[in-house]
Amino acid sequence: MSDSKQAPLSRRRVFAGAGAAGALAGVAMLASRTEPAAPEVAQAPRPAPETGGGYQLTEHVKRYYQTTKV
């Protein structure tokens, strides 16, 4: 017979080990995929429209407003 006094493997230990292994795998995956991010190029703001704004009340906007009425 075996003289080892090792506790039987419990469900809690199995799930804790699986969770730790999953977390380590996720960290390893993210660490290997990390690339230096390309710097975003700032776009120059568009000039303001001469007619007073960019909002236009079109048919699809009117239709949307009709659907939101209670």
C-alpha atoms as a PDB file:
ATOM      1  CA  MET A   1       0.000   0.000   0.000  1.00  0.00           C
ATOM      2  CA  SER A   2       0.999   3.605  -0.442  1.00  0.00           C
ATOM      3  CA  ASP A   3       2.356   5.569   2.521  1.00  0.00           C
ATOM      4  CA  SER A   4       1.755   8.989   0.975  1.00  0.00           C
ATOM      5  CA  LYS A   5      -0.567  11.182   2.996  1.00  0.00           C
ATOM      6  CA  GLN A   6      -1.716  13.297   0.110  1.00  0.00           C
ATOM      7  CA  ALA A   7      -5.265  14.660   0.313  1.00  0.00           C
ATOM      8  CA  PRO A   8      -7.646  13.422  -2.341  1.00  0.00           C
ATOM      9  CA  LEU A   9      -8.153  15.717  -5.294  1.00  0.00           C
ATOM     10  CA  SER A  10     -11.258  17.790  -4.609  1.00  0.00           C
ATOM     11  CA  ARG A  11     -13.504  19.484  -7.112  1.00  0.00           C
ATOM     12  CA  ARG A  12     -12.592  22.877  -5.691  1.00  0.00           C
ATOM     13  CA  ARG A  13      -8.895  22.295  -6.344  1.00  0.00           C
ATOM     14  CA  VAL A  14      -9.556  21.086  -9.879  1.00  0.00           C
ATOM     15  CA  PHE A  15     -11.576  24.197 -10.735  1.00  0.00           C
ATOM     16  CA  ALA A  16      -9.071  26.497  -9.047  1.00  0.00           C
ATOM     17  CA  GLY A  17      -6.246  24.914 -11.019  1.00  0.00           C
ATOM     18  CA  ALA A  18      -8.190  25.123 -14.268  1.00  0.00           C
ATOM     19  CA  GLY A  19      -8.983  28.787 -13.626  1.00  0.00           C
ATOM     20  CA  ALA A  20      -5.366  29.604 -12.899  1.00  0.00           C
ATOM     21  CA  ALA A  21      -4.206  27.743 -15.998  1.00  0.00           C
ATOM     22  CA  GLY A  22      -6.770  29.600 -18.121  1.00  0.00           C
ATOM     23  CA  ALA A  23      -5.687  32.949 -16.739  1.00  0.00           C
ATOM     24  CA  LEU A  24      -2.037  32.181 -17.432  1.00  0.00           C
ATOM     25  CA  ALA A  25      -2.871  31.075 -20.960  1.00  0.00           C
ATOM     26  CA  GLY A  26      -4.768  34.330 -21.551  1.00  0.00           C
ATOM     27  CA  VAL A  27      -1.890  36.428 -20.275  1.00  0.00           C
ATOM     28  CA  ALA A  28       0.561  34.495 -22.415  1.00  0.00           C
ATOM     29  CA  MET A  29      -1.613  34.969 -25.493  1.00  0.00           C
ATOM     30  CA  LEU A  30      -1.946  38.707 -24.930  1.00  0.00           C
ATOM     31  CA  ALA A  31       1.761  39.084 -24.256  1.00  0.00           C
ATOM     32  CA  SER A  32       2.668  37.339 -27.501  1.00  0.00           C
ATOM     33  CA  ARG A  33       0.184  39.392 -29.566  1.00  0.00           C
ATOM     34  CA  THR A  34       1.179  42.777 -28.238  1.00  0.00           C
ATOM     35  CA  GLU A  35       2.506  44.957 -31.008  1.00  0.00           C
ATOM     36  CA  PRO A  36       3.494  48.571 -30.813  1.00  0.00           C
ATOM     37  CA  ALA A  37       0.443  50.593 -31.711  1.00  0.00           C
ATOM     38  CA  ALA A  38       0.657  52.749 -34.789  1.00  0.00           C
ATOM     39  CA  PRO A  39       0.315  56.399 -33.839  1.00  0.00           C
ATOM     40  CA  GLU A  40      -2.994  57.862 -34.864  1.00  0.00           C
ATOM     41  CA  VAL A  41      -2.764  60.750 -37.232  1.00  0.00           C
ATOM     42  CA  ALA A  42      -4.811  63.686 -36.035  1.00  0.00           C
ATOM     43  CA  GLN A  43      -7.134  64.919 -38.733  1.00  0.00           C
ATOM     44  CA  ALA A  44      -7.559  68.611 -39.290  1.00  0.00           C
ATOM     45  CA  PRO A  45     -11.057  69.773 -38.312  1.00  0.00           C
ATOM     46  CA  ARG A  46     -13.389  70.461 -41.188  1.00  0.00           C
ATOM     47  CA  PRO A  47     -14.324  74.056 -41.795  1.00  0.00           C
ATOM     48  CA  ALA A  48     -17.781  75.069 -40.596  1.00  0.00           C
ATOM     49  CA  PRO A  49     -20.434  74.920 -43.319  1.00  0.00           C
ATOM     50  CA  GLU A  50     -21.523  78.272 -44.657  1.00  0.00           C
ATOM     51  CA  THR A  51     -25.232  77.441 -44.552  1.00  0.00           C
ATOM     52  CA  GLY A  52     -25.410  77.214 -40.789  1.00  0.00           C
ATOM     53  CA  GLY A  53     -24.779  73.640 -39.741  1.00  0.00           C
ATOM     54  CA  GLY A  54     -24.390  70.037 -40.632  1.00  0.00           C
ATOM     55  CA  TYR A  55     -27.830  68.871 -39.457  1.00  0.00           C
ATOM     56  CA  GLN A  56     -30.326  68.240 -42.204  1.00  0.00           C
ATOM     57  CA  LEU A  57     -33.921  67.215 -41.657  1.00  0.00           C
ATOM     58  CA  THR A  58     -34.255  64.527 -44.297  1.00  0.00           C
ATOM     59  CA  GLU A  59     -36.999  61.991 -44.925  1.00  0.00           C
ATOM     60  CA  HIS A  60     -35.281  59.195 -43.030  1.00  0.00           C
ATOM     61  CA  VAL A  61     -34.804  61.507 -40.019  1.00  0.00           C
ATOM     62  CA  LYS A  62     -38.488  62.447 -40.122  1.00  0.00           C
ATOM     63  CA  ARG A  63     -39.391  58.756 -40.319  1.00  0.00           C
ATOM     64  CA  TYR A  64     -37.241  58.056 -37.263  1.00  0.00           C
ATOM     65  CA  TYR A  65     -38.960  60.796 -35.308  1.00  0.00           C
ATOM     66  CA  GLN A  66     -42.348  59.310 -36.234  1.00  0.00           C
ATOM     67  CA  THR A  67     -41.298  55.919 -34.845  1.00  0.00           C
ATOM     68  CA  THR A  68     -40.239  57.412 -31.493  1.00  0.00           C
ATOM     69  CA  LYS A  69     -43.558  59.111 -30.792  1.00  0.00           C
ATOM     70  CA  VAL A  70     -45.560  57.508 -28.015  1.00  0.00           C
END
